[in-house]
Amino acid sequence: MAKVIVNGEIVENTWRRLTSEELEQQDVPAEGAVIVPLAYWLAHRDALLERAAPVGVCLEPGEEPADLATDLPALPLVAVNFPAFKDGRGYSYARELRTRYGFEGEVRAVGDVLQDQLFYMHRVGFNAFEVRADRDIEEALNGLRPFSVTYQGDVHDERPIYRRQSA
């Protein structure tokens, strides 16, 4: 079983991410935690909410977190896909999920996720990371700790450094 980083720890991945292509060929498995594409969630929301096992939703670039706003209290996980290292739209999605919608569940970065991104992804609200399969997850974990001090605020503490120092 693959491993993921969740809340700064390497753990077994208990979620199965299903693609649109897989869902055209088969139904969602009756057991086990699954992550489905946003379009599938929107089309089958009621049936998915009745499942005994947890369901998460995956946002792709160009999709809107706003489409999940009313469903967020029922979701334990929202995955954000990074199809390419250079596509930064997912950073905005994570921040929006945390600050605009107050989502407290797991926000997981999936796809082309590399060590160099983890620190910045965490600052905008990601708390889980599926590191690219060809990379060492132990080494990637170090990406969460490259800086001891940041000047700007983030989703964890909005105050800039001069406000944190004076407090």
Protein backbone atom coordinates (compact mmCIF):
# COMPACT_ATOMS: atom_id res chain seq x y z
CA MET A 1 0.00 0.00 0.00
CA ALA A 2 1.23 3.48 -0.83
CA LYS A 3 2.14 6.00 1.80
CA VAL A 4 1.13 9.64 2.17
CA ILE A 5 2.07 12.52 4.42
CA VAL A 6 -0.79 13.59 6.70
CA ASN A 7 -0.33 16.28 9.35
CA GLY A 8 3.45 15.99 9.15
CA GLU A 9 3.56 12.18 9.51
CA ILE A 10 4.07 9.43 6.95
CA VAL A 11 1.09 7.06 7.08
CA GLU A 12 -0.53 4.34 4.98
CA ASN A 13 -2.85 5.72 2.32
CA THR A 14 -6.31 4.37 3.16
CA TRP A 15 -8.02 6.28 0.34
CA ARG A 16 -8.48 5.07 -3.25
CA ARG A 17 -8.71 7.82 -5.86
CA LEU A 18 -11.05 6.86 -8.69
CA THR A 19 -10.82 8.46 -12.12
CA SER A 20 -13.68 9.34 -14.42
CA GLU A 21 -12.52 6.57 -16.76
CA GLU A 22 -12.67 3.97 -13.96
CA LEU A 23 -16.13 5.15 -12.96
CA GLU A 24 -17.39 4.73 -16.54
CA GLN A 25 -16.39 1.05 -16.34
CA GLN A 26 -17.50 0.24 -12.78
CA ASP A 27 -19.50 1.53 -9.85
CA VAL A 28 -17.92 2.94 -6.74
CA PRO A 29 -16.78 0.00 -4.57
CA ALA A 30 -19.13 -0.66 -1.67
CA GLU A 31 -16.31 -0.69 0.86
CA GLY A 32 -13.28 1.43 1.51
CA ALA A 33 -12.65 5.16 1.47
CA VAL A 34 -12.78 6.61 -2.03
CA ILE A 35 -12.05 9.93 -3.70
CA VAL A 36 -14.25 10.72 -6.69
CA PRO A 37 -14.02 13.47 -9.31
CA LEU A 38 -16.14 16.58 -8.73
CA ALA A 39 -18.41 15.85 -11.73
CA TYR A 40 -19.15 12.36 -10.38
CA TRP A 41 -19.86 13.78 -6.92
CA LEU A 42 -22.29 16.34 -8.34
CA ALA A 43 -24.09 13.69 -10.39
CA HIS A 44 -24.28 11.05 -7.61
CA ARG A 45 -24.16 13.10 -4.43
CA ASP A 46 -27.15 11.58 -2.65
CA ALA A 47 -26.07 7.97 -3.27
CA LEU A 48 -22.50 8.73 -2.21
CA LEU A 49 -23.67 10.35 1.02
CA GLU A 50 -25.52 7.14 1.90
CA ARG A 51 -22.33 5.02 1.69
CA ALA A 52 -21.09 3.62 4.97
CA ALA A 53 -17.46 4.22 3.95
CA PRO A 54 -16.07 7.75 3.60
CA VAL A 55 -16.12 9.66 0.32
CA GLY A 56 -13.84 12.51 -0.67
CA VAL A 57 -13.88 14.71 -3.76
CA CYS A 58 -11.02 15.60 -6.12
CA LEU A 59 -10.84 19.06 -7.67
CA GLU A 60 -9.07 19.46 -11.00
CA PRO A 61 -7.62 22.71 -12.36
CA GLY A 62 -10.46 24.83 -13.71
CA GLU A 63 -13.05 23.44 -11.29
CA GLU A 64 -14.35 25.60 -8.48
CA PRO A 65 -14.25 24.93 -4.73
CA ALA A 66 -17.50 26.92 -4.61
CA ASP A 67 -19.22 23.93 -6.24
CA LEU A 68 -18.55 22.01 -3.00
CA ALA A 69 -19.33 24.80 -0.54
CA THR A 70 -22.62 23.40 0.76
CA ASP A 71 -21.30 19.82 0.83
CA LEU A 72 -18.06 20.50 2.74
CA PRO A 73 -19.50 19.65 6.18
CA ALA A 74 -20.23 16.13 4.87
CA LEU A 75 -16.78 15.60 3.35
CA PRO A 76 -13.82 14.33 5.35
CA LEU A 77 -11.36 15.00 2.50
CA VAL A 78 -10.93 17.22 -0.54
CA ALA A 79 -8.09 16.33 -2.89
CA VAL A 80 -6.62 18.91 -5.23
CA ASN A 81 -4.91 17.58 -8.34
CA PHE A 82 -1.70 19.10 -9.65
CA PRO A 83 -1.38 17.63 -13.15
CA ALA A 84 1.91 19.50 -13.62
CA PHE A 85 4.42 20.98 -11.19
CA LYS A 86 4.00 24.41 -12.81
CA ASP A 87 0.20 24.55 -12.41
CA GLY A 88 -0.41 26.63 -9.29
CA ARG A 89 -4.20 26.92 -9.30
CA GLY A 90 -4.45 24.31 -6.57
CA TYR A 91 -2.75 26.65 -4.10
CA SER A 92 -5.68 29.04 -4.43
CA TYR A 93 -8.17 26.20 -4.06
CA ALA A 94 -6.65 25.09 -0.74
CA ARG A 95 -6.60 28.62 0.64
CA GLU A 96 -10.19 29.16 -0.47
CA LEU A 97 -11.33 25.90 1.15
CA ARG A 98 -9.71 26.89 4.45
CA THR A 99 -10.41 30.63 4.65
CA ARG A 100 -13.59 31.27 2.66
CA TYR A 101 -15.40 28.02 3.43
CA GLY A 102 -13.86 27.13 6.79
CA PHE A 103 -13.17 23.54 5.72
CA GLU A 104 -11.46 21.69 8.57
CA GLY A 105 -11.10 18.27 6.96
CA GLU A 106 -8.14 16.90 5.08
CA VAL A 107 -6.98 18.92 2.07
CA ARG A 108 -4.73 16.59 0.09
CA ALA A 109 -2.37 17.54 -2.73
CA VAL A 110 -2.25 14.82 -5.40
CA GLY A 111 -0.57 14.48 -8.79
CA ASP A 112 2.77 16.10 -9.58
CA VAL A 113 3.60 16.86 -5.93
CA LEU A 114 7.28 17.41 -5.13
CA GLN A 115 9.32 18.14 -2.01
CA ASP A 116 9.98 21.75 -3.06
CA GLN A 117 6.25 22.52 -2.96
CA LEU A 118 5.28 21.05 0.40
CA PHE A 119 6.21 23.99 2.63
CA TYR A 120 4.25 26.45 0.49
CA MET A 121 1.33 24.06 0.06
CA HIS A 122 1.10 23.71 3.84
CA ARG A 123 1.06 27.51 4.25
CA VAL A 124 -2.04 27.81 2.05
CA GLY A 125 -3.94 25.02 3.77
CA PHE A 126 -2.85 21.59 2.57
CA ASN A 127 -2.35 19.12 5.41
CA ALA A 128 -1.87 15.96 3.33
CA PHE A 129 0.37 15.13 0.39
CA GLU A 130 0.56 12.25 -2.08
CA VAL A 131 4.14 12.66 -3.20
CA ARG A 132 4.87 11.70 -6.79
CA ALA A 133 5.58 7.95 -7.03
CA ASP A 134 9.12 8.37 -8.36
CA ARG A 135 10.16 10.47 -5.33
CA ASP A 136 11.24 9.43 -1.85
CA ILE A 137 8.47 10.25 0.63
CA GLU A 138 10.91 10.28 3.58
CA GLU A 139 13.00 12.92 1.83
CA ALA A 140 9.88 14.83 0.77
CA LEU A 141 8.80 15.10 4.40
CA ASN A 142 11.78 17.43 4.92
CA GLY A 143 10.06 19.83 2.51
CA LEU A 144 7.67 20.81 5.28
CA ARG A 145 10.47 22.30 7.37
CA PRO A 146 12.80 24.39 5.19
CA PHE A 147 12.23 27.72 7.00
CA SER A 148 11.97 28.46 10.69
CA VAL A 149 10.49 31.96 10.22
CA THR A 150 8.16 33.42 7.60
CA TYR A 151 7.51 37.11 7.03
CA GLN A 152 3.97 36.83 5.70
CA GLY A 153 0.96 35.41 7.44
CA ASP A 154 -0.71 32.26 6.19
CA VAL A 155 -3.85 30.19 6.82
CA HIS A 156 -2.46 29.04 10.16
CA ASP A 157 -1.61 32.53 11.46
CA GLU A 158 -2.63 35.54 9.38
CA ARG A 159 -0.34 37.95 11.23
CA PRO A 160 2.84 39.10 9.45
CA ILE A 161 6.09 38.73 11.38
CA TYR A 162 6.07 42.26 12.84
CA ARG A 163 2.68 41.57 14.43
CA ARG A 164 3.80 38.18 15.76
CA GLN A 165 6.92 39.69 17.31
CA SER A 166 5.03 42.46 19.08
CA ALA A 167 2.44 40.08 20.57
